[in-house]
């Protein structure tokens, strides 16, 4: 079935506005396959919907932190939708496909957070390292735990300064 150019623009606007592609397709009343085709055609041309979506999130206000929050919220909604779809699948092949899309979405969310907020990503790695060191000291050198506990707060202040 042929769709009007306006329908394609509605899909593009819904996607750029933050909806996952499948939900945008549902919203404008086109099959998901058609939406994916239009998305691919646009990406392969000069109209990268993902770039416009990211820019839209930034321009809509609140700075990088709020934009990242909206991006993560949209990604989590997509993950939830994919999980529901996977659970409802009776066809194992469709279930595996849904799980693959879910894994891809999670990987993209992770990459987006690293790209948009590298300092936060570095801080998360640093915090994980400190927690692991704390566990190691308590498990393997408990006699040093009081000294570790004493130096940890000033060290935390130094780390906070570094990541501002």
Protein backbone atom coordinates (compact mmCIF):
# COMPACT_ATOMS: atom_id res chain seq x y z
CA UNK A 1 0.00 0.00 0.00
CA UNK A 2 1.38 3.40 -0.97
CA UNK A 3 1.59 6.02 1.74
CA UNK A 4 1.56 9.76 1.35
CA UNK A 5 4.73 11.81 1.87
CA UNK A 6 2.91 13.45 4.78
CA UNK A 7 2.69 10.06 6.51
CA UNK A 8 6.46 9.64 6.20
CA UNK A 9 6.96 13.12 7.70
CA UNK A 10 4.59 12.26 10.56
CA UNK A 11 6.66 9.14 11.27
CA UNK A 12 9.89 11.14 11.12
CA UNK A 13 8.51 13.78 13.49
CA UNK A 14 7.26 11.17 15.97
CA UNK A 15 10.65 9.41 15.93
CA UNK A 16 12.65 12.62 16.22
CA UNK A 17 10.31 13.64 19.03
CA UNK A 18 11.61 10.67 21.04
CA UNK A 19 9.38 7.69 20.27
CA UNK A 20 11.02 4.38 19.38
CA UNK A 21 10.55 3.59 15.69
CA UNK A 22 7.99 0.82 16.32
CA UNK A 23 5.88 3.07 18.56
CA UNK A 24 6.14 5.94 16.08
CA UNK A 25 4.90 3.56 13.36
CA UNK A 26 1.94 2.55 15.52
CA UNK A 27 1.17 6.19 16.28
CA UNK A 28 1.00 7.21 12.62
CA UNK A 29 -0.61 3.98 11.44
CA UNK A 30 2.06 2.40 9.25
CA UNK A 31 3.52 -1.11 9.50
CA UNK A 32 6.79 -1.40 11.43
CA UNK A 33 8.48 -2.82 8.33
CA UNK A 34 7.50 0.25 6.31
CA UNK A 35 8.82 2.48 9.09
CA UNK A 36 12.13 0.60 9.11
CA UNK A 37 12.38 0.94 5.32
CA UNK A 38 11.74 4.69 5.45
CA UNK A 39 14.21 5.05 8.31
CA UNK A 40 16.91 3.15 6.37
CA UNK A 41 16.27 5.09 3.17
CA UNK A 42 16.57 8.37 5.07
CA UNK A 43 19.73 7.25 6.87
CA UNK A 44 21.33 6.06 3.64
CA UNK A 45 20.47 9.42 2.09
CA UNK A 46 21.30 12.67 3.80
CA UNK A 47 18.50 12.64 6.41
CA UNK A 48 19.84 10.89 9.52
CA UNK A 49 16.84 10.77 11.86
CA UNK A 50 19.04 9.73 14.78
CA UNK A 51 21.14 12.90 14.54
CA UNK A 52 18.02 15.03 14.43
CA UNK A 53 16.58 13.12 17.38
CA UNK A 54 19.70 13.77 19.46
CA UNK A 55 19.72 17.43 18.48
CA UNK A 56 16.01 17.71 19.29
CA UNK A 57 16.61 16.29 22.76
CA UNK A 58 19.32 18.89 23.40
CA UNK A 59 17.41 21.82 21.95
CA UNK A 60 14.21 20.99 23.83
CA UNK A 61 15.86 22.40 26.92
CA UNK A 62 17.51 21.45 30.13
CA UNK A 63 21.03 20.88 28.89
CA UNK A 64 22.94 17.69 28.42
CA UNK A 65 21.91 16.04 31.69
CA UNK A 66 18.19 16.39 31.03
CA UNK A 67 18.65 15.41 27.39
CA UNK A 68 20.45 12.28 28.49
CA UNK A 69 17.68 11.62 31.00
CA UNK A 70 15.05 11.89 28.26
CA UNK A 71 17.11 9.65 26.00
CA UNK A 72 17.49 7.04 28.71
CA UNK A 73 13.78 7.26 29.56
CA UNK A 74 12.87 6.72 25.89
CA UNK A 75 15.31 3.82 25.70
CA UNK A 76 13.91 2.24 28.85
CA UNK A 77 10.39 2.53 27.45
CA UNK A 78 11.62 0.82 24.31
CA UNK A 79 13.26 -1.93 26.38
CA UNK A 80 10.05 -2.44 28.35
CA UNK A 81 8.04 -2.66 25.15
CA UNK A 82 10.51 -5.16 23.70
CA UNK A 83 10.39 -7.28 26.85
CA UNK A 84 6.60 -7.39 26.67
CA UNK A 85 6.78 -8.32 23.01
CA UNK A 86 9.33 -11.05 23.76
CA UNK A 87 7.18 -12.50 26.54
CA UNK A 88 4.12 -12.51 24.30
CA UNK A 89 5.92 -14.26 21.42
CA UNK A 90 4.81 -17.74 20.68
CA UNK A 91 7.22 -18.11 17.78
CA UNK A 92 10.75 -18.79 19.11
CA UNK A 93 12.36 -17.12 16.08
CA UNK A 94 10.40 -13.91 16.72
CA UNK A 95 11.34 -14.12 20.40
CA UNK A 96 15.03 -14.35 19.53
CA UNK A 97 14.68 -11.41 17.13
CA UNK A 98 13.02 -9.36 19.87
CA UNK A 99 15.80 -10.25 22.30
CA UNK A 100 18.41 -9.20 19.71
CA UNK A 101 16.70 -5.83 19.26
CA UNK A 102 16.53 -5.47 23.05
CA UNK A 103 20.26 -6.21 23.38
CA UNK A 104 21.00 -3.70 20.63
CA UNK A 105 18.91 -1.06 22.38
CA UNK A 106 20.72 -1.61 25.68
CA UNK A 107 24.09 -1.36 23.91
CA UNK A 108 23.03 1.88 22.22
CA UNK A 109 21.86 3.35 25.52
CA UNK A 110 25.20 2.48 27.06
CA UNK A 111 27.12 4.00 24.16
CA UNK A 112 24.96 7.14 24.22
CA UNK A 113 25.61 7.70 27.89
CA UNK A 114 29.35 7.27 27.38
CA UNK A 115 29.37 9.66 24.42
CA UNK A 116 27.12 12.30 25.94
CA UNK A 117 28.56 12.30 29.44
CA UNK A 118 32.09 10.88 29.42
CA UNK A 119 32.90 12.39 32.84
CA UNK A 120 29.92 10.58 34.36
CA UNK A 121 31.04 7.35 32.72
CA UNK A 122 34.57 7.80 34.09
CA UNK A 123 33.15 8.58 37.52
CA UNK A 124 31.04 5.40 37.40
CA UNK A 125 34.17 3.38 36.60
CA UNK A 126 36.07 5.11 39.41
CA UNK A 127 33.26 4.42 41.88
CA UNK A 128 33.15 0.77 40.86
CA UNK A 129 36.91 0.51 41.35
CA UNK A 130 36.72 2.09 44.82
CA UNK A 131 33.90 -0.27 45.84
CA UNK A 132 35.91 -3.25 44.64
CA UNK A 133 39.00 -2.02 46.49
CA UNK A 134 36.94 -1.59 49.66
CA UNK A 135 35.62 -5.15 49.36
CA UNK A 136 39.13 -6.45 48.68
CA UNK A 137 40.57 -4.66 51.73
CA UNK A 138 37.80 -5.96 53.99
CA UNK A 139 38.12 -9.53 52.67
CA UNK A 140 41.91 -9.85 52.28
CA UNK A 141 43.47 -7.26 54.58
CA UNK A 142 40.96 -6.41 57.31
CA UNK A 143 43.74 -5.02 59.48
CA UNK A 144 44.07 -2.16 56.96
CA UNK A 145 40.33 -1.40 56.82
CA UNK A 146 40.51 1.42 59.44
CA UNK A 147 43.29 3.18 57.50
CA UNK A 148 41.39 2.73 54.24
CA UNK A 149 38.25 4.17 55.85
CA UNK A 150 40.30 7.13 57.09
CA UNK A 151 41.80 8.07 53.72
CA UNK A 152 38.68 7.40 51.65
CA UNK A 153 36.76 10.66 52.43
CA UNK A 154 39.60 13.04 51.46
CA UNK A 155 40.27 10.91 48.40
CA UNK A 156 36.58 11.18 47.49
CA UNK A 157 36.84 14.96 47.73
CA UNK A 158 39.78 14.92 45.31
CA UNK A 159 37.84 12.75 42.89
CA UNK A 160 34.83 15.07 43.15
CA UNK A 161 37.06 18.03 42.26
CA UNK A 162 38.47 16.18 39.27
CA UNK A 163 35.02 15.36 37.90
CA UNK A 164 33.52 18.69 38.95
